[in-house]
Structure formats: C-alpha cells, structure tokens
Amino acid sequence: MDNIDVLVIAESQAQSTRLSRMVGRTLSGHYQPCSESEFHQYLVAKRYDVIILGNPSKLSSDVLELIDNHQPNTSLVMFDANSEVNAQLLDQQARRLNVNLVSVLPLPCPPERLEAVVERLTTASHENSVDSAPMSAEEVSSALDAGKIQAWFQPKVRIADGAVTGFEALARWVEPDGSMLPPRVFIPSAEESEVIIPLTRKLISDSIIELSSWKRSNLNLKVSVNATVEVLDSDNFVPWLQDLLERHKLAPSSIIIEITESRVVGSASKVVENLTHLRQLGLGVSLDDFGTGYSSLLQLSRMPCTELKIDRSFVSGASGKEETAVLLGNSVRIGHGLGLNVVAEGVETRADWEAVARAKVDEVQGWFVGRAQPAESVIPWIEDWNSRQLLLQTERPKPLLNKTVTQKLLGRDQWLFHRPNALSITLLFILMALSALLARFVD
C-alpha cells in the first residue's frame, strides 16, 4: 500500500517529521509532515487516506472540525503523550463531530499497538481503493444467485485454555477473479430490503454444511450467524432451520443466532417468540454489540439469551483506559450474573487479550486471534492455532498478602506465595538456628 497519502500534523515541523518517521517504519506511504501553523493549507489542497495528529490536545481547538469539513471519512489516528487521561475525551469529541477516529495511541507507542492500528488502516485504504459504490438490492440478489456471496468464518476461542470453540459466519462477496467487495458496499442495501432474508439463509445453510464436514473430522464446533429482525419475523424461519439441522443430523446447539441489541429492543413480540422457540429447540441466542443499544437490565433479563457479546468499543484500549476497563468488567459481571456465556469482540492486540482475561471474559474474537477466512482454510488454521496458542496463555493473578511493616519498609506493593521446596526449608531451619544462637548471645 505504498500509494497511501498520509498527512501528519503536530505543533512543530520537527515533531511532525519525527512522527512521520516513526509511523513510516510500519505503514508505507507518502507522508506530508506539517506544523500547526500550516496544516489548513494542506487540508484543502488534496485528499488524504490517513491523517495523524500528534498531541491533539495541544493543537488548535478547531482542528477536528476542519478535518471533518475538508477530509470527510478520512481515517484519523491520534498520538498523545498523556493518552491515559485524554483518550476518552478525544474519542468523545471525535464522535460528536462525526470524525472517523481509528485509535488514540500513546507516545511512546508499543510496537504491537501500532502494528494493529496499521493493519486496520491498510485494510480500510484497500477497501476505499476498490470500486466501493453501494450496490443496489437487485445487484446483491443477482450476486447471491450467482454464488458470489459466500460464508467466511472468523474464529472464536476460549480464553482460559485457548481452545477453538467455534466461528462467526460473515458474508463475503468474492468475484471470479478473486477480488472482493467490502461488506459495507452490499450489506446495508441487503438489510434495507428483503434480500437480507435469502442472504441470511445462505449463510446458515453454508454454516451447517461446513459444521457437518468438521464433525466428520472430529471437530466439535459452533457457528454464530447474525439475523435481523426481518429474518426472525419471516415466514417459516424456525421450521426451516429446524428441518435443515435434522437433515444434516446436527445438534441444534451447534448454531448460535446473533441479534443486535439495538435492533431487538422494541421489536415485535413475534421476534421474541421465535427466539424463545429457537432456545427451546436447543439453539444458542447471542445478544450482539452489547452496550451500544438502549435495553434496560430488566429487558435483558427477559431475553431468551445464552450469550452476551460485548461490543469492541469496550475492548479496544481497555488495557490503558480505566473507564473502558470498568465498563468492560461491569458488562462481564452482568452477563455472568445472568448465567450467560460472555464473548468479547474486537480483540486486536496482546494487551486487549490480557485486558479481557483480567475481566474474566469467556471467549474472544478479533484480529489478534484470526480474521474471517474461507471454509477450506478453517482446518489448517485450527492446526496452526493449536501449535502456537500456548504462547498466548495469560498468567493467573498472583495472591496477595496483607501489607506488613516489613513490606512497607521495603516499598513492596505485593508479596507472592511460592510453594516451598527442600532448599527453602533447609534455609529456613538454618535461619531459625542462627536466630536462636543470636538470642542466646544477646541474653
């Protein structure tokens, strides 16, 4: 992606140049560093794929508004030396101005966090470089009939032991030459029309076929499929799904139906009845994007769910933002308190993995684990994951002793218990003998 155009804005030319060099080691492209006094002329001169701000809290207050006015939808990354304090405020300001903020990163920035953000930037830039004009519902329907829209599978793993538990089926438009259209090009038009019903059934059918194949390979997995209110309320959806499972001799529990929190709240009672029927049949029901909708805890307790899927906005940055970590932890406690399996999506870095582990999330999903992949890549991916996942095990929190006078004198924040061995016992006896001898001399 050497053709990416990047505008870097900082207080001074020297600072923006240093920032350009730092990011340029990971993200290839054409960089234009500029100072605060000259950034406006660059904003209006040409279109940029990425804009980088250095210490934005020290820049003029209208910089985000100007970016929104002159560079709409451009990916924005901020680097802030005091990101732990400023990140949430900057994020709120970006949301209020509808600026496409990708991430707020610390200065200095850990390499893995920068690499994760760069991966997202290159993906977004690639999608923007292809013909991304929205497809009509008729075009989506034709692509569906032609077999261009397929189910790809993004892995979900159990964080306690790294075991692969299943996948989420995601729609991918693949042309005969192997090129792909981004989901944002065709999913919205499908959701706004009745095309979403055959599209969802296609994903479910493909998933069940693959589950049968994986079962023959002794893999006991589950697949999650997103379903809109229109799909759940469509005629014969539940009987159709039940018949499909029976024909392929699959346990109903191998399919999890995901429904977005904001879509299910206030939906017709028929939808909730169908979800309840699916639960009675043995299927899983997952409440997706939890925390972004407007459901009350009472409504949540009445939903026939088996799983709570925490939105990525409560995961990304939870390792460095106390407020995000609190929201993540409370969401997990709510889910567990209701007896639900809790999944965190959007885990992109080792820091994200460790943050959700501390919050006691059950399963995770995101680029740190794996991206969506075609069905034929699933088994090789599982074999590769199993060979390397032991490296991802997070250390268990170590028990603490109450602070003692000795601890305070030594300035230690915690004491760790260690299992005694022969050497430590021998040393203990020697110390006790020396103490007794010293006491005799003192007396």
Protein backbone atom coordinates (compact mmCIF):
# COMPACT_ATOMS: atom_id res chain seq x y z
CA MET A 1 0.00 0.00 0.00
CA ASP A 2 2.81 2.42 -0.92
CA ASN A 3 0.28 4.75 -2.57
CA ILE A 4 -1.32 5.77 0.74
CA ASP A 5 -1.24 9.55 1.28
CA VAL A 6 -0.68 10.48 4.93
CA LEU A 7 -0.91 13.98 6.43
CA VAL A 8 0.89 14.36 9.77
CA ILE A 9 0.00 17.37 11.94
CA ALA A 10 1.89 18.36 15.09
CA GLU A 11 2.84 21.53 16.97
CA SER A 12 6.06 21.98 15.02
CA GLN A 13 7.56 20.78 11.77
CA ALA A 14 10.23 18.86 13.69
CA GLN A 15 7.63 16.98 15.76
CA SER A 16 5.53 16.06 12.73
CA THR A 17 8.65 14.86 10.90
CA ARG A 18 9.63 12.60 13.82
CA LEU A 19 6.10 11.23 13.98
CA SER A 20 6.15 10.59 10.22
CA ARG A 21 9.36 8.60 10.53
CA MET A 22 8.02 6.56 13.45
CA VAL A 23 4.78 5.55 11.71
CA GLY A 24 6.51 5.23 8.33
CA ARG A 25 8.59 2.33 9.61
CA THR A 26 5.35 0.32 9.85
CA LEU A 27 2.97 1.97 7.37
CA SER A 28 4.37 2.62 3.91
CA GLY A 29 3.06 5.64 2.07
CA HIS A 30 3.61 9.23 1.00
CA TYR A 31 3.97 11.38 4.13
CA GLN A 32 3.35 15.11 4.36
CA PRO A 33 4.50 16.43 7.76
CA CYS A 34 3.30 19.90 8.70
CA SER A 35 3.11 22.19 11.69
CA GLU A 36 0.01 23.64 13.35
CA SER A 37 0.50 26.94 11.55
CA GLU A 38 0.32 25.40 8.07
CA PHE A 39 -1.96 22.37 8.32
CA HIS A 40 -5.03 24.18 6.95
CA GLN A 41 -3.45 24.71 3.54
CA TYR A 42 -2.73 21.01 3.27
CA LEU A 43 -6.25 20.02 4.35
CA VAL A 44 -7.81 21.91 1.45
CA ALA A 45 -5.14 21.07 -1.15
CA LYS A 46 -5.79 17.36 -1.72
CA ARG A 47 -7.46 14.24 -0.39
CA TYR A 48 -5.57 12.13 2.18
CA ASP A 49 -6.13 8.49 3.07
CA VAL A 50 -4.89 8.89 6.65
CA ILE A 51 -4.41 11.91 8.92
CA ILE A 52 -2.21 11.65 12.00
CA LEU A 53 -2.35 14.14 14.87
CA GLY A 54 0.46 14.48 17.37
CA ASN A 55 -0.63 15.56 20.86
CA PRO A 56 -4.01 16.89 19.61
CA SER A 57 -4.88 18.43 22.96
CA LYS A 58 -2.10 20.97 22.31
CA LEU A 59 -3.35 21.84 18.82
CA SER A 60 -5.99 24.46 17.98
CA SER A 61 -9.48 23.53 19.13
CA ASP A 62 -10.98 23.56 15.64
CA VAL A 63 -8.60 21.03 14.07
CA LEU A 64 -11.09 18.15 14.22
CA GLU A 65 -13.88 20.30 12.84
CA LEU A 66 -11.67 21.38 9.94
CA ILE A 67 -10.73 17.76 9.24
CA ASP A 68 -14.42 16.82 9.14
CA ASN A 69 -15.18 19.73 6.80
CA HIS A 70 -12.36 19.16 4.33
CA GLN A 71 -11.47 15.47 4.71
CA PRO A 72 -14.74 13.65 5.47
CA ASN A 73 -14.44 9.91 6.23
CA THR A 74 -10.63 10.05 6.19
CA SER A 75 -9.10 7.67 8.75
CA LEU A 76 -7.72 9.58 11.72
CA VAL A 77 -5.10 8.39 14.22
CA MET A 78 -4.01 10.41 17.25
CA PHE A 79 -0.81 10.07 19.28
CA ASP A 80 -0.92 11.62 22.73
CA ALA A 81 1.78 11.64 25.39
CA ASN A 82 -0.96 11.69 28.04
CA SER A 83 -3.34 9.29 26.31
CA GLU A 84 -4.47 7.61 29.54
CA VAL A 85 -6.08 10.90 30.58
CA ASN A 86 -7.04 12.37 27.23
CA ALA A 87 -8.09 9.34 25.17
CA GLN A 88 -11.70 9.23 26.30
CA LEU A 89 -12.21 12.98 25.84
CA LEU A 90 -10.65 12.88 22.37
CA ASP A 91 -12.81 9.91 21.43
CA GLN A 92 -15.97 11.69 22.61
CA GLN A 93 -15.01 14.82 20.68
CA ALA A 94 -14.40 12.81 17.50
CA ARG A 95 -17.76 11.05 17.84
CA ARG A 96 -19.54 14.35 18.37
CA LEU A 97 -18.02 15.76 15.18
CA ASN A 98 -18.55 12.50 13.27
CA VAL A 99 -14.81 12.18 12.56
CA ASN A 100 -13.57 8.70 11.59
CA LEU A 101 -11.22 8.18 14.56
CA VAL A 102 -9.42 4.84 14.30
CA SER A 103 -7.46 4.98 17.54
CA VAL A 104 -5.79 7.14 20.18
CA LEU A 105 -2.28 5.79 20.77
CA PRO A 106 0.23 6.66 23.49
CA LEU A 107 3.60 8.31 22.99
CA PRO A 108 5.88 6.44 23.03
CA CYS A 109 3.78 3.76 21.36
CA PRO A 110 4.24 -0.02 21.91
CA PRO A 111 5.04 -1.63 18.53
CA GLU A 112 2.22 -4.18 18.71
CA ARG A 113 -0.41 -1.47 19.23
CA LEU A 114 0.91 0.49 16.26
CA GLU A 115 1.01 -2.65 14.10
CA ALA A 116 -2.62 -3.48 14.95
CA VAL A 117 -3.78 0.01 14.00
CA VAL A 118 -1.71 -0.01 10.80
CA GLU A 119 -3.34 -3.29 9.81
CA ARG A 120 -6.75 -1.69 10.17
CA LEU A 121 -5.61 1.35 8.20
CA THR A 122 -4.26 -0.71 5.30
CA THR A 123 -7.47 -2.73 5.17
CA ALA A 124 -9.59 0.43 5.13
CA SER A 125 -7.38 2.02 2.48
CA HIS A 126 -7.62 -1.09 0.33
CA GLU A 127 -11.40 -1.09 0.59
CA ASN A 128 -11.52 2.59 -0.32
CA SER A 129 -9.28 1.96 -3.33
CA VAL A 130 -11.67 -0.51 -4.99
CA ASP A 131 -14.94 0.35 -6.63
CA SER A 132 -16.90 0.95 -3.43
CA ALA A 133 -20.10 2.49 -4.76
CA PRO A 134 -23.05 0.97 -2.88
CA MET A 135 -24.70 -1.95 -4.63
CA SER A 136 -28.44 -1.98 -5.21
CA ALA A 137 -30.64 -4.68 -3.73
CA GLU A 138 -31.09 -6.12 -7.23
CA GLU A 139 -27.30 -6.38 -7.70
CA VAL A 140 -26.92 -8.10 -4.34
CA SER A 141 -29.68 -10.55 -5.20
CA SER A 142 -28.02 -11.34 -8.55
CA ALA A 143 -24.64 -11.87 -6.86
CA LEU A 144 -26.32 -14.19 -4.37
CA ASP A 145 -27.87 -16.24 -7.18
CA ALA A 146 -24.51 -16.38 -8.98
CA GLY A 147 -22.77 -17.76 -5.90
CA LYS A 148 -20.53 -14.73 -5.45
CA ILE A 149 -21.58 -14.17 -1.83
CA GLN A 150 -20.10 -16.80 0.46
CA ALA A 151 -19.86 -17.56 4.16
CA TRP A 152 -16.43 -16.89 5.59
CA PHE A 153 -15.59 -17.84 9.16
CA GLN A 154 -13.92 -15.78 11.90
CA PRO A 155 -12.65 -17.86 14.85
CA LYS A 156 -13.77 -17.65 18.46
CA VAL A 157 -11.55 -19.11 21.18
CA ARG A 158 -11.93 -19.81 24.88
CA ILE A 159 -9.57 -17.55 26.77
CA ALA A 160 -8.99 -19.92 29.70
CA ASP A 161 -7.15 -22.51 27.62
CA GLY A 162 -7.04 -21.07 24.09
CA ALA A 163 -9.27 -23.82 22.68
CA VAL A 164 -11.17 -23.05 19.46
CA THR A 165 -14.87 -23.12 20.31
CA GLY A 166 -16.36 -22.06 17.00
CA PHE A 167 -16.65 -19.37 14.36
CA GLU A 168 -18.84 -16.48 13.31
CA ALA A 169 -20.17 -16.73 9.74
CA LEU A 170 -19.67 -13.47 7.83
CA ALA A 171 -20.83 -12.62 4.31
CA ARG A 172 -18.06 -12.04 1.76
CA TRP A 173 -18.56 -11.01 -1.88
CA VAL A 174 -15.87 -12.75 -3.94
CA GLU A 175 -15.59 -12.16 -7.68
CA PRO A 176 -14.46 -14.96 -10.03
CA ASP A 177 -11.02 -13.34 -10.33
CA GLY A 178 -10.59 -13.49 -6.54
CA SER A 179 -11.17 -9.79 -5.87
CA MET A 180 -13.51 -8.90 -3.02
CA LEU A 181 -16.03 -6.17 -2.35
CA PRO A 182 -16.14 -4.81 1.20
CA PRO A 183 -19.27 -5.72 3.22
CA ARG A 184 -20.23 -2.05 3.60
CA VAL A 185 -20.87 -2.00 -0.16
CA PHE A 186 -23.64 -4.62 -0.13
CA ILE A 187 -24.77 -5.40 3.43
CA PRO A 188 -26.67 -2.11 4.05
CA SER A 189 -28.71 -2.43 0.85
CA ALA A 190 -29.48 -6.06 1.71
CA GLU A 191 -30.62 -5.08 5.21
CA GLU A 192 -32.86 -2.36 3.81
CA SER A 193 -34.65 -4.82 1.55
CA GLU A 194 -35.98 -8.34 1.63
CA VAL A 195 -32.69 -9.61 0.17
CA ILE A 196 -31.41 -9.95 3.74
CA ILE A 197 -33.67 -12.99 4.22
CA PRO A 198 -32.17 -15.21 1.45
CA LEU A 199 -28.71 -13.85 2.30
CA THR A 200 -29.03 -14.92 5.93
CA ARG A 201 -30.43 -18.31 4.96
CA LYS A 202 -27.47 -18.74 2.61
CA LEU A 203 -25.04 -18.09 5.49
CA ILE A 204 -26.88 -20.53 7.74
CA SER A 205 -27.01 -23.23 5.04
CA ASP A 206 -23.29 -22.86 4.29
CA SER A 207 -22.51 -22.96 8.01
CA ILE A 208 -24.48 -26.16 8.58
CA ILE A 209 -22.78 -27.84 5.61
CA GLU A 210 -19.37 -26.91 7.00
CA LEU A 211 -20.32 -27.99 10.53
CA SER A 212 -21.21 -31.41 9.15
CA SER A 213 -17.83 -31.59 7.42
CA TRP A 214 -15.95 -30.52 10.54
CA LYS A 215 -17.90 -33.05 12.60
CA ARG A 216 -16.61 -35.82 10.31
CA SER A 217 -13.12 -34.55 11.15
CA ASN A 218 -13.92 -34.95 14.88
CA LEU A 219 -14.20 -31.20 15.44
CA ASN A 220 -17.00 -30.24 17.83
CA LEU A 221 -17.58 -26.60 16.89
CA LYS A 222 -20.31 -23.99 16.86
CA VAL A 223 -21.13 -21.30 14.32
CA SER A 224 -22.76 -17.94 15.05
CA VAL A 225 -24.87 -16.25 12.38
CA ASN A 226 -26.28 -12.73 12.53
CA ALA A 227 -30.03 -12.48 11.98
CA THR A 228 -32.01 -9.28 11.63
CA VAL A 229 -35.49 -8.70 13.00
CA GLU A 230 -36.83 -9.13 9.45
CA VAL A 231 -35.25 -12.58 9.17
CA LEU A 232 -36.55 -13.74 12.55
CA ASP A 233 -40.02 -12.46 11.72
CA SER A 234 -40.09 -14.04 8.24
CA ASP A 235 -42.46 -16.88 7.44
CA ASN A 236 -41.37 -20.40 8.40
CA PHE A 237 -37.88 -19.35 9.52
CA VAL A 238 -37.89 -21.52 12.64
CA PRO A 239 -39.33 -24.65 10.94
CA TRP A 240 -36.91 -24.18 8.02
CA LEU A 241 -33.92 -24.02 10.35
CA GLN A 242 -35.12 -26.98 12.41
CA ASP A 243 -35.58 -29.10 9.28
CA LEU A 244 -32.12 -28.14 7.98
CA LEU A 245 -30.47 -29.25 11.22
CA GLU A 246 -32.34 -32.54 11.26
CA ARG A 247 -31.44 -33.33 7.64
CA HIS A 248 -27.75 -32.85 8.39
CA LYS A 249 -28.03 -34.66 11.74
CA LEU A 250 -26.57 -31.77 13.68
CA ALA A 251 -27.27 -30.85 17.28
CA PRO A 252 -29.24 -27.58 17.47
CA SER A 253 -26.68 -26.26 19.95
CA SER A 254 -24.13 -26.06 17.13
CA ILE A 255 -25.87 -22.95 15.76
CA ILE A 256 -25.98 -19.62 17.61
CA ILE A 257 -28.29 -16.90 16.32
CA GLU A 258 -26.88 -13.42 16.95
CA ILE A 259 -29.18 -10.43 17.11
CA THR A 260 -28.04 -6.86 17.68
CA GLU A 261 -29.14 -5.28 20.95
CA SER A 262 -30.36 -2.05 19.33
CA ARG A 263 -32.46 -3.99 16.80
CA VAL A 264 -34.21 -6.34 19.21
CA VAL A 265 -35.29 -3.69 21.73
CA GLY A 266 -38.85 -2.69 20.97
CA SER A 267 -39.22 -5.29 18.20
CA ALA A 268 -42.42 -7.20 17.57
CA SER A 269 -43.42 -9.86 20.07
CA LYS A 270 -43.28 -12.41 17.21
CA VAL A 271 -39.50 -11.95 17.08
CA VAL A 272 -39.09 -12.66 20.79
CA GLU A 273 -41.42 -15.65 20.44
CA ASN A 274 -39.29 -17.04 17.62
CA LEU A 275 -36.11 -16.51 19.63
CA THR A 276 -37.72 -18.31 22.55
CA HIS A 277 -38.74 -21.16 20.23
CA LEU A 278 -35.15 -21.43 18.97
CA ARG A 279 -33.92 -21.63 22.56
CA GLN A 280 -36.44 -24.35 23.31
CA LEU A 281 -35.15 -26.30 20.33
CA GLY A 282 -31.64 -26.07 21.77
CA LEU A 283 -30.06 -23.32 19.64
CA GLY A 284 -27.99 -20.60 21.21
CA VAL A 285 -29.09 -16.97 21.16
CA SER A 286 -26.47 -14.22 21.42
CA LEU A 287 -27.11 -10.54 22.11
CA ASP A 288 -24.58 -8.81 19.85
CA ASP A 289 -22.90 -5.40 20.33
CA PHE A 290 -23.93 -5.30 23.98
CA GLY A 291 -23.56 -1.83 25.48
CA THR A 292 -24.33 0.12 22.31
CA GLY A 293 -28.11 -0.25 22.43
CA TYR A 294 -30.71 1.00 24.84
CA SER A 295 -32.02 -2.10 26.56
CA SER A 296 -32.61 -1.97 30.29
CA LEU A 297 -31.36 -4.70 32.58
CA LEU A 298 -34.96 -5.80 33.03
CA GLN A 299 -35.38 -6.23 29.27
CA LEU A 300 -32.09 -8.09 29.11
CA SER A 301 -33.15 -10.50 31.84
CA ARG A 302 -36.31 -11.29 29.86
CA MET A 303 -34.49 -12.07 26.62
CA PRO A 304 -34.04 -15.79 25.87
CA CYS A 305 -30.25 -15.40 25.53
CA THR A 306 -27.43 -17.83 26.17
CA GLU A 307 -24.63 -15.44 25.30
CA LEU A 308 -23.65 -11.79 25.68
CA LYS A 309 -21.30 -10.34 23.08
CA ILE A 310 -19.53 -7.22 24.28
CA ASP A 311 -19.02 -4.52 21.68
CA ARG A 312 -15.46 -3.77 20.56
CA SER A 313 -15.69 -0.21 21.90
CA PHE A 314 -15.46 -1.66 25.44
CA VAL A 315 -12.49 -3.86 24.47
CA SER A 316 -10.15 -1.67 22.45
CA GLY A 317 -7.97 0.30 24.83
CA ALA A 318 -9.30 -1.39 27.97
CA SER A 319 -5.71 -2.14 28.96
CA GLY A 320 -4.88 1.56 29.15
CA LYS A 321 -8.16 3.33 29.89
CA GLU A 322 -9.55 2.91 33.38
CA GLU A 323 -13.06 3.97 32.33
CA THR A 324 -13.13 1.43 29.49
CA ALA A 325 -11.82 -1.30 31.78
CA VAL A 326 -14.60 -0.52 34.30
CA LEU A 327 -17.30 -0.73 31.61
CA LEU A 328 -15.82 -3.98 30.31
CA GLY A 329 -15.65 -5.53 33.77
CA ASN A 330 -19.19 -4.49 34.67
CA SER A 331 -20.54 -5.85 31.37
CA VAL A 332 -18.89 -9.19 32.07
CA ARG A 333 -20.32 -9.30 35.59
CA ILE A 334 -23.81 -8.56 34.24
CA GLY A 335 -23.52 -11.39 31.73
CA HIS A 336 -22.21 -13.89 34.25
CA GLY A 337 -24.79 -12.77 36.79
CA LEU A 338 -27.48 -13.74 34.29
CA GLY A 339 -25.82 -17.08 33.64
CA LEU A 340 -24.65 -16.15 30.13
CA ASN A 341 -21.52 -17.00 28.19
CA VAL A 342 -19.62 -13.74 27.63
CA VAL A 343 -17.73 -13.07 24.39
CA ALA A 344 -15.52 -10.04 23.70
CA GLU A 345 -15.15 -8.98 20.07
CA GLY A 346 -12.52 -6.69 18.60
CA VAL A 347 -9.53 -8.21 20.42
CA GLU A 348 -6.70 -6.90 18.25
CA THR A 349 -3.58 -6.90 20.43
CA ARG A 350 -1.92 -8.89 23.20
CA ALA A 351 -2.85 -6.03 25.54
CA ASP A 352 -6.53 -6.45 24.56
CA TRP A 353 -6.24 -10.21 25.19
CA GLU A 354 -4.82 -9.65 28.67
CA ALA A 355 -7.43 -6.98 29.47
CA VAL A 356 -10.36 -9.27 28.67
CA ALA A 357 -8.64 -12.10 30.53
CA ARG A 358 -8.46 -9.93 33.65
CA ALA A 359 -12.14 -9.09 33.19
CA LYS A 360 -12.86 -12.85 33.12
CA VAL A 361 -14.40 -12.92 29.65
CA ASP A 362 -15.17 -16.48 28.48
CA GLU A 363 -14.42 -16.28 24.75
CA VAL A 364 -12.75 -13.80 22.43
CA GLN A 365 -12.90 -12.90 18.78
CA GLY A 366 -10.80 -10.47 16.75
CA TRP A 367 -7.79 -10.00 14.52
CA PHE A 368 -5.37 -10.97 17.32
CA VAL A 369 -6.85 -14.47 17.13
CA GLY A 370 -7.72 -14.61 13.44
CA ARG A 371 -9.55 -12.94 10.59
CA ALA A 372 -12.52 -14.25 8.62
CA GLN A 373 -11.39 -16.97 6.23
CA PRO A 374 -12.93 -19.23 3.58
CA ALA A 375 -14.21 -22.64 4.67
CA GLU A 376 -11.29 -24.54 3.15
CA SER A 377 -8.84 -22.62 5.36
CA VAL A 378 -10.55 -23.44 8.67
CA ILE A 379 -8.98 -26.82 9.49
CA PRO A 380 -5.42 -25.75 8.55
CA TRP A 381 -5.92 -22.60 10.63
CA ILE A 382 -7.06 -24.65 13.65
CA GLU A 383 -3.99 -26.89 13.35
CA ASP A 384 -1.73 -23.83 13.20
CA TRP A 385 -3.52 -22.15 16.12
CA ASN A 386 -3.24 -25.24 18.30
CA SER A 387 0.50 -25.31 17.69
CA ARG A 388 1.04 -21.72 18.85
CA GLN A 389 -1.78 -20.81 21.23
CA LEU A 390 0.16 -21.86 24.34
CA LEU A 391 2.21 -18.70 23.87
CA LEU A 392 -0.93 -16.66 24.48
CA GLN A 393 -1.76 -18.01 27.91
CA THR A 394 -2.12 -15.16 30.37
CA GLU A 395 -0.56 -15.59 33.79
CA ARG A 396 -3.08 -16.04 36.57
CA PRO A 397 -3.27 -13.18 39.08
CA LYS A 398 -0.96 -13.93 42.00
CA PRO A 399 -2.42 -13.94 45.54
CA LEU A 400 -1.58 -11.01 47.77
CA LEU A 401 -0.64 -10.86 51.45
CA ASN A 402 -1.78 -8.01 53.64
CA LYS A 403 0.83 -5.29 53.91
CA THR A 404 3.18 -5.64 56.83
CA VAL A 405 5.69 -3.31 58.43
CA THR A 406 8.48 -5.12 56.59
CA GLN A 407 6.65 -4.73 53.28
CA LYS A 408 6.19 -1.01 53.85
CA LEU A 409 9.86 -0.60 54.71
CA LEU A 410 10.91 -2.42 51.57
CA GLY A 411 8.41 -0.50 49.44
CA ARG A 412 6.88 -3.67 48.01
CA ASP A 413 3.34 -3.46 46.58
CA GLN A 414 2.67 -7.17 46.88
CA TRP A 415 4.01 -10.38 48.29
CA LEU A 416 3.79 -13.59 46.35
CA PHE A 417 3.28 -17.06 47.76
CA HIS A 418 5.71 -19.67 46.46
CA ARG A 419 5.44 -23.40 47.03
CA PRO A 420 8.26 -24.33 49.50
CA ASN A 421 10.97 -26.71 48.26
CA ALA A 422 13.74 -28.62 50.03
CA LEU A 423 16.26 -25.82 49.67
CA SER A 424 13.93 -23.16 51.08
CA ILE A 425 13.02 -25.41 54.06
CA THR A 426 16.71 -26.04 54.77
CA LEU A 427 17.47 -22.31 54.65
CA LEU A 428 14.55 -21.64 56.96
CA PHE A 429 15.92 -24.07 59.56
CA ILE A 430 19.39 -22.50 59.29
CA LEU A 431 17.91 -19.02 59.83
CA MET A 432 15.93 -20.27 62.83
CA ALA A 433 19.07 -21.83 64.34
CA LEU A 434 21.08 -18.66 63.79
CA SER A 435 18.29 -16.60 65.36
CA ALA A 436 18.25 -18.85 68.43
CA LEU A 437 22.04 -18.67 68.74
CA LEU A 438 21.99 -14.88 68.38
CA ALA A 439 19.27 -14.61 71.03
CA ARG A 440 21.42 -16.65 73.47
CA PHE A 441 24.38 -14.31 72.97
CA VAL A 442 22.16 -11.27 73.45
CA ASP A 443 20.79 -12.67 76.71
